[in-house]
């Protein structure tokens, strides 16, 4: 997520602060996501979902 931010937020000490703020903001959301959730990737904004047959 930090890679998509403007450079003024990710240069030098700003990167550590920005990552900390992002972690504080989103850690609760990430903790509640199911392990088999879809992974958002470039070109796949709705996520790439694992094949349920491969999990079993």
N, C-alpha and C. Protein backbone atom coordinates (compact mmCIF):
# COMPACT_ATOMS: atom_id res chain seq x y z
N UNK A 1 0.83 -1.18 0.00
CA UNK A 1 0.00 0.00 0.00
C UNK A 1 0.88 1.25 0.00
N UNK A 2 1.96 1.20 0.75
CA UNK A 2 2.84 2.36 0.83
C UNK A 2 3.49 2.65 -0.52
N UNK A 3 3.66 1.64 -1.35
CA UNK A 3 4.28 1.83 -2.67
C UNK A 3 3.44 2.74 -3.56
N UNK A 4 2.14 2.79 -3.33
CA UNK A 4 1.24 3.59 -4.17
C UNK A 4 1.12 5.04 -3.69
N UNK A 5 1.71 5.37 -2.56
CA UNK A 5 1.61 6.72 -2.01
C UNK A 5 2.60 7.67 -2.69
N UNK A 6 2.30 8.96 -2.68
CA UNK A 6 3.24 9.94 -3.23
C UNK A 6 4.57 9.90 -2.48
N UNK A 7 5.64 10.25 -3.18
CA UNK A 7 6.99 10.18 -2.61
C UNK A 7 7.13 10.97 -1.31
N UNK A 8 6.40 12.07 -1.16
CA UNK A 8 6.56 12.89 0.05
C UNK A 8 6.18 12.12 1.32
N UNK A 9 5.40 11.05 1.18
CA UNK A 9 5.02 10.24 2.34
C UNK A 9 5.94 9.03 2.55
N UNK A 10 6.82 8.77 1.60
CA UNK A 10 7.61 7.54 1.69
C UNK A 10 9.11 7.78 1.65
N UNK A 11 9.56 9.00 1.73
CA UNK A 11 11.00 9.29 1.73
C UNK A 11 11.53 9.33 3.15
N UNK A 12 12.68 8.71 3.36
CA UNK A 12 13.37 8.78 4.65
C UNK A 12 12.51 8.32 5.81
N UNK A 13 12.48 9.13 6.86
CA UNK A 13 11.75 8.78 8.08
C UNK A 13 10.24 8.80 7.86
N UNK A 14 9.78 9.45 6.81
CA UNK A 14 8.34 9.50 6.53
C UNK A 14 7.79 8.10 6.25
N UNK A 15 8.59 7.24 5.62
CA UNK A 15 8.14 5.90 5.29
C UNK A 15 7.80 5.11 6.55
N UNK A 16 8.66 5.17 7.56
CA UNK A 16 8.40 4.44 8.80
C UNK A 16 7.12 4.94 9.46
N UNK A 17 6.94 6.25 9.51
CA UNK A 17 5.73 6.81 10.12
C UNK A 17 4.49 6.42 9.33
N UNK A 18 4.59 6.52 7.99
CA UNK A 18 3.45 6.19 7.13
C UNK A 18 3.07 4.72 7.29
N UNK A 19 4.05 3.84 7.28
CA UNK A 19 3.75 2.41 7.46
C UNK A 19 3.13 2.14 8.82
N UNK A 20 3.61 2.81 9.83
CA UNK A 20 3.03 2.66 11.16
C UNK A 20 1.58 3.11 11.20
N UNK A 21 1.29 4.24 10.56
CA UNK A 21 -0.08 4.74 10.52
C UNK A 21 -0.98 3.80 9.72
N UNK A 22 -0.48 3.27 8.61
CA UNK A 22 -1.27 2.32 7.83
C UNK A 22 -1.53 1.05 8.63
N UNK A 23 -0.52 0.59 9.35
CA UNK A 23 -0.69 -0.61 10.17
C UNK A 23 -1.73 -0.39 11.26
N UNK A 24 -1.66 0.77 11.93
CA UNK A 24 -2.65 1.08 12.97
C UNK A 24 -4.06 1.14 12.39
N UNK A 25 -4.18 1.70 11.19
CA UNK A 25 -5.48 1.87 10.57
C UNK A 25 -6.08 0.56 10.10
N UNK A 26 -5.26 -0.30 9.50
CA UNK A 26 -5.79 -1.47 8.82
C UNK A 26 -5.52 -2.81 9.51
N UNK A 27 -4.74 -2.86 10.57
CA UNK A 27 -4.39 -4.14 11.19
C UNK A 27 -5.62 -4.88 11.71
N UNK A 28 -6.59 -4.16 12.24
CA UNK A 28 -7.81 -4.80 12.74
C UNK A 28 -8.58 -5.46 11.59
N UNK A 29 -8.63 -4.80 10.46
CA UNK A 29 -9.31 -5.37 9.28
C UNK A 29 -8.58 -6.61 8.81
N UNK A 30 -7.25 -6.53 8.68
CA UNK A 30 -6.48 -7.67 8.19
C UNK A 30 -6.57 -8.86 9.13
N UNK A 31 -6.65 -8.61 10.44
CA UNK A 31 -6.75 -9.69 11.42
C UNK A 31 -8.07 -10.46 11.30
N UNK A 32 -9.11 -9.83 10.78
CA UNK A 32 -10.41 -10.48 10.72
C UNK A 32 -10.65 -11.20 9.39
N UNK A 33 -9.74 -11.06 8.44
CA UNK A 33 -9.92 -11.71 7.14
C UNK A 33 -9.64 -13.20 7.23
N UNK A 34 -10.41 -13.98 6.52
CA UNK A 34 -10.23 -15.43 6.49
C UNK A 34 -8.92 -15.77 5.78
N UNK A 35 -8.22 -16.82 6.22
CA UNK A 35 -6.95 -17.20 5.59
C UNK A 35 -7.09 -17.56 4.11
N UNK A 36 -8.23 -18.03 3.69
CA UNK A 36 -8.39 -18.44 2.29
C UNK A 36 -9.01 -17.35 1.43
N UNK A 37 -8.91 -16.11 1.89
CA UNK A 37 -9.50 -15.00 1.15
C UNK A 37 -8.79 -14.77 -0.18
N UNK A 38 -9.46 -14.07 -1.07
CA UNK A 38 -8.85 -13.73 -2.34
C UNK A 38 -7.73 -12.72 -2.16
N UNK A 39 -6.71 -12.84 -2.95
CA UNK A 39 -5.59 -11.92 -2.88
C UNK A 39 -5.72 -10.88 -3.99
N UNK A 40 -5.78 -9.61 -3.63
CA UNK A 40 -5.89 -8.53 -4.61
C UNK A 40 -4.52 -8.35 -5.26
N UNK A 41 -4.52 -8.30 -6.57
CA UNK A 41 -3.29 -8.17 -7.33
C UNK A 41 -3.52 -7.22 -8.50
N UNK A 42 -2.45 -6.63 -9.03
CA UNK A 42 -2.63 -5.75 -10.19
C UNK A 42 -3.38 -6.48 -11.31
N UNK A 43 -4.39 -5.84 -11.84
CA UNK A 43 -5.19 -6.45 -12.89
C UNK A 43 -6.31 -7.33 -12.37
N UNK A 44 -6.36 -7.54 -11.05
CA UNK A 44 -7.40 -8.39 -10.43
C UNK A 44 -7.94 -7.68 -9.18
N UNK A 45 -8.65 -6.56 -9.34
CA UNK A 45 -9.10 -5.78 -8.18
C UNK A 45 -10.11 -6.52 -7.29
N UNK A 46 -10.78 -7.52 -7.81
CA UNK A 46 -11.73 -8.27 -6.99
C UNK A 46 -11.08 -9.46 -6.32
N UNK A 47 -9.83 -9.70 -6.59
CA UNK A 47 -9.09 -10.76 -5.93
C UNK A 47 -8.94 -12.02 -6.75
N UNK A 48 -7.89 -12.74 -6.47
CA UNK A 48 -7.64 -14.05 -7.05
C UNK A 48 -7.92 -15.05 -5.94
N UNK A 49 -8.90 -15.89 -6.15
CA UNK A 49 -9.33 -16.81 -5.10
C UNK A 49 -8.69 -18.17 -5.28
N UNK A 50 -8.26 -18.79 -4.20
CA UNK A 50 -7.64 -20.12 -4.30
C UNK A 50 -8.67 -21.16 -4.73
N UNK A 51 -8.21 -22.15 -5.43
CA UNK A 51 -9.07 -23.25 -5.89
C UNK A 51 -9.43 -24.09 -4.66
N UNK A 52 -10.73 -24.21 -4.33
CA UNK A 52 -11.11 -24.97 -3.13
C UNK A 52 -10.69 -26.43 -3.19
N UNK A 53 -10.55 -26.99 -4.38
CA UNK A 53 -10.11 -28.38 -4.52
C UNK A 53 -8.64 -28.53 -4.12
N UNK A 54 -7.86 -27.48 -4.33
CA UNK A 54 -6.44 -27.55 -4.01
C UNK A 54 -6.21 -27.46 -2.49
N UNK A 55 -7.14 -26.87 -1.77
CA UNK A 55 -7.02 -26.71 -0.32
C UNK A 55 -7.27 -28.03 0.40
N UNK A 56 -8.18 -28.84 -0.08
CA UNK A 56 -8.55 -30.07 0.61
C UNK A 56 -7.47 -31.11 0.52
